């Protein structure tokens, strides 16, 4: 399995049956703008992995004006957030409910 397949499979795996059962559309909040960093999500969508899991993905762009990924997820505007692991653990320390469901890379500290 090459890196592209791994990233695409990881992105699809994050949509667990419990999430899919709760809603037909699953929104994912990105930390930054929609670019090549999130290619695995877009490839998984193009190849029908999400459709096969019974969900329709919505990808929300982040960027410099995004208050925080955690705020969007906690407010219910997204079911999944993609963020730096340090920000996720800091949010947990502040009492925000949620947790890490996957890791997007073996080197970069990004978490789902």
PDB file of N, CA and C in Angstrom:
ATOM      1  N   UNK A   1       0.863  -1.174   0.000  1.00  0.00           N
ATOM      2  CA  UNK A   1       0.000   0.000   0.000  1.00  0.00           C
ATOM      3  C   UNK A   1       0.903   1.229   0.000  1.00  0.00           C
ATOM      4  N   UNK A   2       0.700   2.136  -0.963  1.00  0.00           N
ATOM      5  CA  UNK A   2       1.516   3.344  -0.979  1.00  0.00           C
ATOM      6  C   UNK A   2       0.902   4.415  -0.083  1.00  0.00           C
ATOM      7  N   UNK A   3       1.636   5.517   0.061  1.00  0.00           N
ATOM      8  CA  UNK A   3       1.206   6.573   0.989  1.00  0.00           C
ATOM      9  C   UNK A   3      -0.175   7.131   0.635  1.00  0.00           C
ATOM     10  N   UNK A   4      -0.427   7.335  -0.665  1.00  0.00           N
ATOM     11  CA  UNK A   4      -1.725   7.869  -1.090  1.00  0.00           C
ATOM     12  C   UNK A   4      -2.878   6.958  -0.710  1.00  0.00           C
ATOM     13  N   UNK A   5      -2.697   5.651  -0.914  1.00  0.00           N
ATOM     14  CA  UNK A   5      -3.745   4.696  -0.537  1.00  0.00           C
ATOM     15  C   UNK A   5      -3.954   4.682   0.971  1.00  0.00           C
ATOM     16  N   UNK A   6      -2.833   4.762   1.717  1.00  0.00           N
ATOM     17  CA  UNK A   6      -2.939   4.768   3.171  1.00  0.00           C
ATOM     18  C   UNK A   6      -3.714   5.979   3.670  1.00  0.00           C
ATOM     19  N   UNK A   7      -3.394   7.152   3.122  1.00  0.00           N
ATOM     20  CA  UNK A   7      -4.081   8.379   3.551  1.00  0.00           C
ATOM     21  C   UNK A   7      -5.562   8.303   3.204  1.00  0.00           C
ATOM     22  N   UNK A   8      -5.866   7.846   2.002  1.00  0.00           N
ATOM     23  CA  UNK A   8      -7.274   7.747   1.596  1.00  0.00           C
ATOM     24  C   UNK A   8      -8.025   6.748   2.476  1.00  0.00           C
ATOM     25  N   UNK A   9      -7.402   5.609   2.751  1.00  0.00           N
ATOM     26  CA  UNK A   9      -8.055   4.605   3.598  1.00  0.00           C
ATOM     27  C   UNK A   9      -8.226   5.127   5.020  1.00  0.00           C
ATOM     28  N   UNK A  10      -7.235   5.866   5.511  1.00  0.00           N
ATOM     29  CA  UNK A  10      -7.331   6.428   6.860  1.00  0.00           C
ATOM     30  C   UNK A  10      -8.467   7.427   6.952  1.00  0.00           C
ATOM     31  N   UNK A  11      -8.599   8.255   5.912  1.00  0.00           N
ATOM     32  CA  UNK A  11      -9.674   9.242   5.907  1.00  0.00           C
ATOM     33  C   UNK A  11     -11.032   8.554   5.896  1.00  0.00           C
ATOM     34  N   UNK A  12     -11.157   7.492   5.120  1.00  0.00           N
ATOM     35  CA  UNK A  12     -12.428   6.777   5.065  1.00  0.00           C
ATOM     36  C   UNK A  12     -12.702   6.040   6.368  1.00  0.00           C
ATOM     37  N   UNK A  13     -11.658   5.524   6.996  1.00  0.00           N
ATOM     38  CA  UNK A  13     -11.831   4.763   8.228  1.00  0.00           C
ATOM     39  C   UNK A  13     -12.323   5.606   9.381  1.00  0.00           C
ATOM     40  N   UNK A  14     -12.060   6.901   9.322  1.00  0.00           N
ATOM     41  CA  UNK A  14     -12.478   7.782  10.415  1.00  0.00           C
ATOM     42  C   UNK A  14     -14.001   7.844  10.518  1.00  0.00           C
ATOM     43  N   UNK A  15     -14.691   7.595   9.427  1.00  0.00           N
ATOM     44  CA  UNK A  15     -16.148   7.646   9.437  1.00  0.00           C
ATOM     45  C   UNK A  15     -16.668   6.296   9.914  1.00  0.00           C
ATOM     46  N   UNK A  16     -16.727   6.148  11.189  1.00  0.00           N
ATOM     47  CA  UNK A  16     -17.136   4.886  11.788  1.00  0.00           C
ATOM     48  C   UNK A  16     -18.631   4.659  11.592  1.00  0.00           C
ATOM     49  N   UNK A  17     -19.105   3.420  11.711  1.00  0.00           N
ATOM     50  CA  UNK A  17     -20.534   3.155  11.585  1.00  0.00           C
ATOM     51  C   UNK A  17     -21.378   3.955  12.569  1.00  0.00           C
ATOM     52  N   UNK A  18     -20.855   4.246  13.758  1.00  0.00           N
ATOM     53  CA  UNK A  18     -21.628   5.021  14.736  1.00  0.00           C
ATOM     54  C   UNK A  18     -21.893   6.424  14.223  1.00  0.00           C
ATOM     55  N   UNK A  19     -20.912   7.031  13.594  1.00  0.00           N
ATOM     56  CA  UNK A  19     -21.106   8.366  13.023  1.00  0.00           C
ATOM     57  C   UNK A  19     -22.043   8.285  11.830  1.00  0.00           C
ATOM     58  N   UNK A  20     -21.827   7.299  10.979  1.00  0.00           N
ATOM     59  CA  UNK A  20     -22.654   7.166   9.783  1.00  0.00           C
ATOM     60  C   UNK A  20     -24.113   6.917  10.140  1.00  0.00           C
ATOM     61  N   UNK A  21     -24.364   6.177  11.208  1.00  0.00           N
ATOM     62  CA  UNK A  21     -25.735   5.901  11.604  1.00  0.00           C
ATOM     63  C   UNK A  21     -26.430   7.155  12.119  1.00  0.00           C
ATOM     64  N   UNK A  22     -25.665   8.084  12.672  1.00  0.00           N
ATOM     65  CA  UNK A  22     -26.254   9.291  13.248  1.00  0.00           C
ATOM     66  C   UNK A  22     -26.697  10.281  12.178  1.00  0.00           C
ATOM     67  N   UNK A  23     -26.023  10.293  11.030  1.00  0.00           N
ATOM     68  CA  UNK A  23     -26.362  11.257   9.991  1.00  0.00           C
ATOM     69  C   UNK A  23     -25.880  10.754   8.645  1.00  0.00           C
ATOM     70  N   UNK A  24     -26.624  11.096   7.602  1.00  0.00           N
ATOM     71  CA  UNK A  24     -26.200  10.728   6.252  1.00  0.00           C
ATOM     72  C   UNK A  24     -25.061  11.621   5.772  1.00  0.00           C
ATOM     73  N   UNK A  25     -25.023  12.855   6.235  1.00  0.00           N
ATOM     74  CA  UNK A  25     -23.963  13.775   5.877  1.00  0.00           C
ATOM     75  C   UNK A  25     -23.033  13.945   7.066  1.00  0.00           C
ATOM     76  N   UNK A  26     -21.735  13.798   6.818  1.00  0.00           N
ATOM     77  CA  UNK A  26     -20.735  13.962   7.868  1.00  0.00           C
ATOM     78  C   UNK A  26     -19.839  15.135   7.484  1.00  0.00           C
ATOM     79  N   UNK A  27     -19.831  16.157   8.329  1.00  0.00           N
ATOM     80  CA  UNK A  27     -19.008  17.335   8.081  1.00  0.00           C
ATOM     81  C   UNK A  27     -17.659  17.175   8.780  1.00  0.00           C
ATOM     82  N   UNK A  28     -16.589  17.489   8.048  1.00  0.00           N
ATOM     83  CA  UNK A  28     -15.235  17.452   8.584  1.00  0.00           C
ATOM     84  C   UNK A  28     -14.661  18.855   8.526  1.00  0.00           C
ATOM     85  N   UNK A  29     -14.253  19.367   9.683  1.00  0.00           N
ATOM     86  CA  UNK A  29     -13.648  20.699   9.759  1.00  0.00           C
ATOM     87  C   UNK A  29     -12.134  20.584   9.644  1.00  0.00           C
ATOM     88  N   UNK A  30     -11.570  21.232   8.623  1.00  0.00           N
ATOM     89  CA  UNK A  30     -10.125  21.264   8.447  1.00  0.00           C
ATOM     90  C   UNK A  30      -9.543  22.429   9.228  1.00  0.00           C
ATOM     91  N   UNK A  31      -8.288  22.288   9.614  1.00  0.00           N
ATOM     92  CA  UNK A  31      -7.581  23.362  10.303  1.00  0.00           C
ATOM     93  C   UNK A  31      -7.244  24.493   9.337  1.00  0.00           C
ATOM     94  N   UNK A  32      -6.978  24.147   8.093  1.00  0.00           N
ATOM     95  CA  UNK A  32      -6.533  25.135   7.120  1.00  0.00           C
ATOM     96  C   UNK A  32      -7.383  25.050   5.866  1.00  0.00           C
ATOM     97  N   UNK A  33      -7.037  25.826   4.862  1.00  0.00           N
ATOM     98  CA  UNK A  33      -7.803  25.853   3.620  1.00  0.00           C
ATOM     99  C   UNK A  33      -7.760  24.485   2.939  1.00  0.00           C
ATOM    100  N   UNK A  34      -8.679  24.260   2.024  1.00  0.00           N
ATOM    101  CA  UNK A  34      -8.717  22.999   1.284  1.00  0.00           C
ATOM    102  C   UNK A  34      -7.552  22.994   0.296  1.00  0.00           C
ATOM    103  N   UNK A  35      -6.535  22.199   0.610  1.00  0.00           N
ATOM    104  CA  UNK A  35      -5.377  22.110  -0.273  1.00  0.00           C
ATOM    105  C   UNK A  35      -4.855  20.681  -0.279  1.00  0.00           C
ATOM    106  N   UNK A  36      -3.671  20.492  -0.847  1.00  0.00           N
ATOM    107  CA  UNK A  36      -3.102  19.154  -1.009  1.00  0.00           C
ATOM    108  C   UNK A  36      -2.875  18.444   0.329  1.00  0.00           C
ATOM    109  N   UNK A  37      -2.772  19.187   1.402  1.00  0.00           N
ATOM    110  CA  UNK A  37      -2.599  18.584   2.725  1.00  0.00           C
ATOM    111  C   UNK A  37      -3.731  17.604   3.041  1.00  0.00           C
ATOM    112  N   UNK A  38      -4.896  17.856   2.514  1.00  0.00           N
ATOM    113  CA  UNK A  38      -6.070  17.025   2.773  1.00  0.00           C
ATOM    114  C   UNK A  38      -6.449  16.152   1.574  1.00  0.00           C
ATOM    115  N   UNK A  39      -5.493  15.895   0.703  1.00  0.00           N
ATOM    116  CA  UNK A  39      -5.755  15.144  -0.525  1.00  0.00           C
ATOM    117  C   UNK A  39      -6.400  13.794  -0.256  1.00  0.00           C
ATOM    118  N   UNK A  40      -5.997  13.135   0.818  1.00  0.00           N
ATOM    119  CA  UNK A  40      -6.566  11.820   1.118  1.00  0.00           C
ATOM    120  C   UNK A  40      -8.067  11.851   1.281  1.00  0.00           C
ATOM    121  N   UNK A  41      -8.584  12.915   1.872  1.00  0.00           N
ATOM    122  CA  UNK A  41     -10.035  13.060   2.030  1.00  0.00           C
ATOM    123  C   UNK A  41     -10.714  13.177   0.667  1.00  0.00           C
ATOM    124  N   UNK A  42     -10.125  13.994  -0.203  1.00  0.00           N
ATOM    125  CA  UNK A  42     -10.714  14.231  -1.522  1.00  0.00           C
ATOM    126  C   UNK A  42     -10.601  13.002  -2.419  1.00  0.00           C
ATOM    127  N   UNK A  43      -9.488  12.289  -2.308  1.00  0.00           N
ATOM    128  CA  UNK A  43      -9.310  11.062  -3.083  1.00  0.00           C
ATOM    129  C   UNK A  43     -10.310  10.006  -2.626  1.00  0.00           C
ATOM    130  N   UNK A  44     -10.475   9.875  -1.317  1.00  0.00           N
ATOM    131  CA  UNK A  44     -11.446   8.911  -0.786  1.00  0.00           C
ATOM    132  C   UNK A  44     -12.852   9.228  -1.279  1.00  0.00           C
ATOM    133  N   UNK A  45     -13.194  10.505  -1.328  1.00  0.00           N
ATOM    134  CA  UNK A  45     -14.507  10.917  -1.830  1.00  0.00           C
ATOM    135  C   UNK A  45     -14.639  10.583  -3.316  1.00  0.00           C
ATOM    136  N   UNK A  46     -13.622  10.926  -4.098  1.00  0.00           N
ATOM    137  CA  UNK A  46     -13.665  10.671  -5.541  1.00  0.00           C
ATOM    138  C   UNK A  46     -13.747   9.181  -5.864  1.00  0.00           C
ATOM    139  N   UNK A  47     -13.146   8.367  -5.040  1.00  0.00           N
ATOM    140  CA  UNK A  47     -13.155   6.914  -5.275  1.00  0.00           C
ATOM    141  C   UNK A  47     -14.369   6.218  -4.674  1.00  0.00           C
ATOM    142  N   UNK A  48     -15.229   6.959  -4.012  1.00  0.00           N
ATOM    143  CA  UNK A  48     -16.470   6.398  -3.508  1.00  0.00           C
ATOM    144  C   UNK A  48     -16.379   5.701  -2.163  1.00  0.00           C
ATOM    145  N   UNK A  49     -15.274   5.891  -1.428  1.00  0.00           N
ATOM    146  CA  UNK A  49     -15.131   5.217  -0.142  1.00  0.00           C
ATOM    147  C   UNK A  49     -16.188   5.683   0.858  1.00  0.00           C
ATOM    148  N   UNK A  50     -16.480   6.959   0.863  1.00  0.00           N
ATOM    149  CA  UNK A  50     -17.497   7.483   1.782  1.00  0.00           C
ATOM    150  C   UNK A  50     -18.881   6.965   1.380  1.00  0.00           C
ATOM    151  N   UNK A  51     -19.159   7.005   0.089  1.00  0.00           N
ATOM    152  CA  UNK A  51     -20.443   6.508  -0.405  1.00  0.00           C
ATOM    153  C   UNK A  51     -20.633   5.049  -0.003  1.00  0.00           C
ATOM    154  N   UNK A  52     -19.572   4.252  -0.138  1.00  0.00           N
ATOM    155  CA  UNK A  52     -19.635   2.840   0.244  1.00  0.00           C
ATOM    156  C   UNK A  52     -19.902   2.661   1.732  1.00  0.00           C
ATOM    157  N   UNK A  53     -19.483   3.644   2.540  1.00  0.00           N
ATOM    158  CA  UNK A  53     -19.728   3.601   3.985  1.00  0.00           C
ATOM    159  C   UNK A  53     -21.107   4.153   4.338  1.00  0.00           C
ATOM    160  N   UNK A  54     -21.838   4.652   3.321  1.00  0.00           N
ATOM    161  CA  UNK A  54     -23.196   5.132   3.548  1.00  0.00           C
ATOM    162  C   UNK A  54     -23.295   6.574   3.990  1.00  0.00           C
ATOM    163  N   UNK A  55     -22.260   7.369   3.731  1.00  0.00           N
ATOM    164  CA  UNK A  55     -22.282   8.775   4.136  1.00  0.00           C
ATOM    165  C   UNK A  55     -21.896   9.687   2.974  1.00  0.00           C
ATOM    166  N   UNK A  56     -22.340  10.921   3.099  1.00  0.00           N
ATOM    167  CA  UNK A  56     -21.961  11.972   2.163  1.00  0.00           C
ATOM    168  C   UNK A  56     -21.089  12.959   2.921  1.00  0.00           C
ATOM    169  N   UNK A  57     -19.825  13.116   2.503  1.00  0.00           N
ATOM    170  CA  UNK A  57     -18.944  14.020   3.249  1.00  0.00           C
ATOM    171  C   UNK A  57     -19.139  15.478   2.861  1.00  0.00           C
ATOM    172  N   UNK A  58     -18.937  16.340   3.828  1.00  0.00           N
ATOM    173  CA  UNK A  58     -18.863  17.779   3.621  1.00  0.00           C
ATOM    174  C   UNK A  58     -17.552  18.225   4.242  1.00  0.00           C
ATOM    175  N   UNK A  59     -16.730  18.927   3.470  1.00  0.00           N
ATOM    176  CA  UNK A  59     -15.428  19.369   3.958  1.00  0.00           C
ATOM    177  C   UNK A  59     -15.466  20.869   4.171  1.00  0.00           C
ATOM    178  N   UNK A  60     -15.204  21.286   5.398  1.00  0.00           N
ATOM    179  CA  UNK A  60     -15.245  22.697   5.773  1.00  0.00           C
ATOM    180  C   UNK A  60     -13.828  23.248   5.860  1.00  0.00           C
ATOM    181  N   UNK A  61     -13.566  24.292   5.103  1.00  0.00           N
ATOM    182  CA  UNK A  61     -12.238  24.898   5.104  1.00  0.00           C
ATOM    183  C   UNK A  61     -11.999  25.666   6.394  1.00  0.00           C
ATOM    184  N   UNK A  62     -10.783  25.628   6.848  1.00  0.00           N
ATOM    185  CA  UNK A  62     -10.368  26.429   7.994  1.00  0.00           C
ATOM    186  C   UNK A  62      -9.614  27.646   7.487  1.00  0.00           C
ATOM    187  N   UNK A  63      -8.598  28.027   8.212  1.00  0.00           N
ATOM    188  CA  UNK A  63      -7.790  29.162   7.798  1.00  0.00           C
ATOM    189  C   UNK A  63      -7.540  30.101   8.948  1.00  0.00           C
ATOM    190  N   UNK A  64      -6.961  31.251   8.652  1.00  0.00           N
ATOM    191  CA  UNK A  64      -6.559  32.161   9.722  1.00  0.00           C
ATOM    192  C   UNK A  64      -7.720  32.759  10.519  1.00  0.00           C
ATOM    193  N   UNK A  65      -8.928  32.756   9.975  1.00  0.00           N
ATOM    194  CA  UNK A  65     -10.075  33.341  10.676  1.00  0.00           C
ATOM    195  C   UNK A  65     -10.892  32.312  11.454  1.00  0.00           C
ATOM    196  N   UNK A  66     -10.477  31.053  11.416  1.00  0.00           N
ATOM    197  CA  UNK A  66     -11.179  30.000  12.157  1.00  0.00           C
ATOM    198  C   UNK A  66     -10.802  30.104  13.630  1.00  0.00           C
ATOM    199  N   UNK A  67     -11.788  30.278  14.530  1.00  0.00           N
ATOM    200  CA  UNK A  67     -11.450  30.398  15.950  1.00  0.00           C
ATOM    201  C   UNK A  67     -10.717  29.160  16.455  1.00  0.00           C
ATOM    202  N   UNK A  68     -11.265  27.982  16.204  1.00  0.00           N
ATOM    203  CA  UNK A  68     -10.609  26.711  16.514  1.00  0.00           C
ATOM    204  C   UNK A  68     -11.454  25.583  15.937  1.00  0.00           C
ATOM    205  N   UNK A  69     -10.786  24.509  15.588  1.00  0.00           N
ATOM    206  CA  UNK A  69     -11.490  23.331  15.086  1.00  0.00           C
ATOM    207  C   UNK A  69     -12.399  22.780  16.183  1.00  0.00           C
ATOM    208  N   UNK A  70     -11.885  22.776  17.424  1.00  0.00           N
ATOM    209  CA  UNK A  70     -12.653  22.226  18.537  1.00  0.00           C
ATOM    210  C   UNK A  70     -13.972  22.975  18.727  1.00  0.00           C
ATOM    211  N   UNK A  71     -13.937  24.293  18.575  1.00  0.00           N
ATOM    212  CA  UNK A  71     -15.157  25.089  18.754  1.00  0.00           C
ATOM    213  C   UNK A  71     -16.215  24.702  17.728  1.00  0.00           C
ATOM    214  N   UNK A  72     -15.794  24.445  16.505  1.00  0.00           N
ATOM    215  CA  UNK A  72     -16.738  24.063  15.443  1.00  0.00           C
ATOM    216  C   UNK A  72     -17.347  22.699  15.748  1.00  0.00           C
ATOM    217  N   UNK A  73     -16.516  21.751  16.185  1.00  0.00           N
ATOM    218  CA  UNK A  73     -17.013  20.403  16.492  1.00  0.00           C
ATOM    219  C   UNK A  73     -17.918  20.429  17.718  1.00  0.00           C
ATOM    220  N   UNK A  74     -17.491  21.114  18.772  1.00  0.00           N
ATOM    221  CA  UNK A  74     -18.287  21.185  20.000  1.00  0.00           C
ATOM    222  C   UNK A  74     -19.630  21.864  19.750  1.00  0.00           C
ATOM    223  N   UNK A  75     -19.655  22.869  18.866  1.00  0.00           N
ATOM    224  CA  UNK A  75     -20.896  23.575  18.545  1.00  0.00           C
ATOM    225  C   UNK A  75     -21.830  22.739  17.659  1.00  0.00           C
ATOM    226  N   UNK A  76     -21.336  21.606  17.160  1.00  0.00           N
ATOM    227  CA  UNK A  76     -22.179  20.731  16.351  1.00  0.00           C
ATOM    228  C   UNK A  76     -22.205  21.083  14.874  1.00  0.00           C
ATOM    229  N   UNK A  77     -21.344  21.979  14.426  1.00  0.00           N
ATOM    230  CA  UNK A  77     -21.311  22.338  13.001  1.00  0.00           C
ATOM    231  C   UNK A  77     -20.487  21.344  12.188  1.00  0.00           C
ATOM    232  N   UNK A  78     -19.734  20.470  12.865  1.00  0.00           N
ATOM    233  CA  UNK A  78     -18.976  19.401  12.216  1.00  0.00           C
ATOM    234  C   UNK A  78     -18.918  18.212  13.163  1.00  0.00           C
ATOM    235  N   UNK A  79     -18.950  17.014  12.596  1.00  0.00           N
ATOM    236  CA  UNK A  79     -18.858  15.803  13.409  1.00  0.00           C
ATOM    237  C   UNK A  79     -17.399  15.388  13.622  1.00  0.00           C
ATOM    238  N   UNK A  80     -16.539  15.764  12.676  1.00  0.00           N
ATOM    239  CA  UNK A  80     -15.131  15.377  12.706  1.00  0.00           C
ATOM    240  C   UNK A  80     -14.285  16.628  12.536  1.00  0.00           C
ATOM    241  N   UNK A  81     -13.193  16.712  13.283  1.00  0.00           N
ATOM    242  CA  UNK A  81     -12.256  17.817  13.138  1.00  0.00           C
ATOM    243  C   UNK A  81     -10.860  17.289  12.864  1.00  0.00           C
ATOM    244  N   UNK A  82     -10.110  18.023  12.083  1.00  0.00           N
ATOM    245  CA  UNK A  82      -8.743  17.649  11.745  1.00  0.00           C
ATOM    246  C   UNK A  82      -7.844  18.743  12.284  1.00  0.00           C
ATOM    247  N   UNK A  83      -6.994  18.404  13.264  1.00  0.00           N
ATOM    248  CA  UNK A  83      -6.267  19.438  13.978  1.00  0.00           C
ATOM    249  C   UNK A  83      -4.904  18.946  14.428  1.00  0.00           C
ATOM    250  N   UNK A  84      -4.069  19.868  14.902  1.00  0.00           N
ATOM    251  CA  UNK A  84      -2.787  19.507  15.494  1.00  0.00           C
ATOM    252  C   UNK A  84      -3.052  18.769  16.801  1.00  0.00           C
ATOM    253  N   UNK A  85      -2.276  17.733  17.055  1.00  0.00           N
ATOM    254  CA  UNK A  85      -2.487  16.914  18.245  1.00  0.00           C
ATOM    255  C   UNK A  85      -2.363  17.738  19.525  1.00  0.00           C
ATOM    256  N   UNK A  86      -1.453  18.733  19.521  1.00  0.00           N
ATOM    257  CA  UNK A  86      -1.292  19.560  20.726  1.00  0.00           C
ATOM    258  C   UNK A  86      -2.573  20.337  21.046  1.00  0.00           C
ATOM    259  N   UNK A  87      -3.239  20.817  20.011  1.00  0.00           N
ATOM    260  CA  UNK A  87      -4.474  21.579  20.220  1.00  0.00           C
ATOM    261  C   UNK A  87      -5.589  20.686  20.745  1.00  0.00           C
ATOM    262  N   UNK A  88      -5.613  19.450  20.274  1.00  0.00           N
ATOM    263  CA  UNK A  88      -6.624  18.506  20.746  1.00  0.00           C
ATOM    264  C   UNK A  88      -6.387  18.187  22.224  1.00  0.00           C
ATOM    265  N   UNK A  89      -5.151  17.900  22.588  1.00  0.00           N
ATOM    266  CA  UNK A  89      -4.874  17.565  23.989  1.00  0.00           C
ATOM    267  C   UNK A  89      -5.068  18.782  24.896  1.00  0.00           C
ATOM    268  N   UNK A  90      -4.727  19.975  24.410  1.00  0.00           N
ATOM    269  CA  UNK A  90      -4.977  21.188  25.199  1.00  0.00           C
ATOM    270  C   UNK A  90      -6.480  21.375  25.437  1.00  0.00           C
ATOM    271  N   UNK A  91      -7.275  21.134  24.417  1.00  0.00           N
ATOM    272  CA  UNK A  91      -8.728  21.261  24.559  1.00  0.00           C
ATOM    273  C   UNK A  91      -9.257  20.246  25.566  1.00  0.00           C
ATOM    274  N   UNK A  92      -8.738  19.020  25.520  1.00  0.00           N
ATOM    275  CA  UNK A  92      -9.150  17.998  26.491  1.00  0.00           C
ATOM    276  C   UNK A  92      -8.793  18.435  27.909  1.00  0.00           C
ATOM    277  N   UNK A  93      -7.614  19.051  28.065  1.00  0.00           N
ATOM    278  CA  UNK A  93      -7.202  19.537  29.389  1.00  0.00           C
ATOM    279  C   UNK A  93      -8.135  20.633  29.893  1.00  0.00           C
ATOM    280  N   UNK A  94      -8.744  21.383  28.974  1.00  0.00           N
ATOM    281  CA  UNK A  94      -9.685  22.443  29.354  1.00  0.00           C
ATOM    282  C   UNK A  94     -11.104  21.901  29.562  1.00  0.00           C
ATOM    283  N   UNK A  95     -11.279  20.592  29.394  1.00  0.00           N
ATOM    284  CA  UNK A  95     -12.581  19.994  29.652  1.00  0.00           C
ATOM    285  C   UNK A  95     -13.451  19.778  28.429  1.00  0.00           C
ATOM    286  N   UNK A  96     -12.925  20.033  27.239  1.00  0.00           N
ATOM    287  CA  UNK A  96     -13.701  19.806  26.014  1.00  0.00           C
ATOM    288  C   UNK A  96     -13.820  18.306  25.803  1.00  0.00           C
ATOM    289  N   UNK A  97     -15.045  17.832  25.575  1.00  0.00           N
ATOM    290  CA  UNK A  97     -15.272  16.405  25.342  1.00  0.00           C
ATOM    291  C   UNK A  97     -14.871  16.046  23.929  1.00  0.00           C
ATOM    292  N   UNK A  98     -14.366  14.863  23.746  1.00  0.00           N
ATOM    293  CA  UNK A  98     -13.933  14.386  22.436  1.00  0.00           C
ATOM    294  C   UNK A  98     -12.620  13.658  22.588  1.00  0.00           C
ATOM    295  N   UNK A  99     -12.085  13.245  21.502  1.00  0.00           N
ATOM    296  CA  UNK A  99     -10.820  12.537  21.588  1.00  0.00           C
ATOM    297  C   UNK A  99     -10.246  12.270  20.221  1.00  0.00           C
ATOM    298  N   UNK A 100      -9.078  11.712  20.205  1.00  0.00           N
ATOM    299  CA  UNK A 100      -8.384  11.391  18.970  1.00  0.00           C
ATOM    300  C   UNK A 100      -8.891  10.053  18.462  1.00  0.00           C
ATOM    301  N   UNK A 101      -9.312  10.020  17.214  1.00  0.00           N
ATOM    302  CA  UNK A 101      -9.834   8.795  16.606  1.00  0.00           C
ATOM    303  C   UNK A 101      -8.861   8.215  15.596  1.00  0.00           C
ATOM    304  N   UNK A 102      -7.871   8.982  15.229  1.00  0.00           N
ATOM    305  CA  UNK A 102      -6.905   8.497  14.258  1.00  0.00           C
ATOM    306  C   UNK A 102      -5.787   9.490  14.087  1.00  0.00           C
ATOM    307  N   UNK A 103      -4.764   9.043  13.434  1.00  0.00           N
ATOM    308  CA  UNK A 103      -3.613   9.890  13.163  1.00  0.00           C
ATOM    309  C   UNK A 103      -3.413   9.895  11.657  1.00  0.00           C
ATOM    310  N   UNK A 104      -3.235  11.072  11.083  1.00  0.00           N
ATOM    311  CA  UNK A 104      -3.160  11.195   9.636  1.00  0.00           C
ATOM    312  C   UNK A 104      -1.785  10.913   9.071  1.00  0.00           C
ATOM    313  N   UNK A 105      -0.756  10.978   9.891  1.00  0.00           N
ATOM    314  CA  UNK A 105       0.599  10.809   9.390  1.00  0.00           C
ATOM    315  C   UNK A 105       1.487  10.221  10.470  1.00  0.00           C
ATOM    316  N   UNK A 106       2.470   9.467  10.054  1.00  0.00           N
ATOM    317  CA  UNK A 106       3.409   8.901  11.015  1.00  0.00           C
ATOM    318  C   UNK A 106       4.374   9.952  11.539  1.00  0.00           C
ATOM    319  N   UNK A 107       4.548  11.054  10.799  1.00  0.00           N
ATOM    320  CA  UNK A 107       5.507  12.081  11.208  1.00  0.00           C
ATOM    321  C   UNK A 107       4.845  13.325  11.749  1.00  0.00           C
ATOM    322  N   UNK A 108       3.871  13.848  11.041  1.00  0.00           N
ATOM    323  CA  UNK A 108       3.224  15.094  11.481  1.00  0.00           C
ATOM    324  C   UNK A 108       2.237  14.785  12.587  1.00  0.00           C
ATOM    325  N   UNK A 109       2.135  15.682  13.533  1.00  0.00           N
ATOM    326  CA  UNK A 109       1.228  15.480  14.659  1.00  0.00           C
ATOM    327  C   UNK A 109      -0.178  15.955  14.372  1.00  0.00           C
ATOM    328  N   UNK A 110      -0.797  15.438  13.343  1.00  0.00           N
ATOM    329  CA  UNK A 110      -2.189  15.785  13.003  1.00  0.00           C
ATOM    330  C   UNK A 110      -3.088  14.672  13.497  1.00  0.00           C
ATOM    331  N   UNK A 111      -4.245  15.050  14.007  1.00  0.00           N
ATOM    332  CA  UNK A 111      -5.170  14.069  14.567  1.00  0.00           C
ATOM    333  C   UNK A 111      -6.567  14.289  14.034  1.00  0.00           C
ATOM    334  N   UNK A 112      -7.345  13.217  14.007  1.00  0.00           N
ATOM    335  CA  UNK A 112      -8.746  13.261  13.597  1.00  0.00           C
ATOM    336  C   UNK A 112      -9.597  13.053  14.829  1.00  0.00           C
TER     337      UNK A 112
END
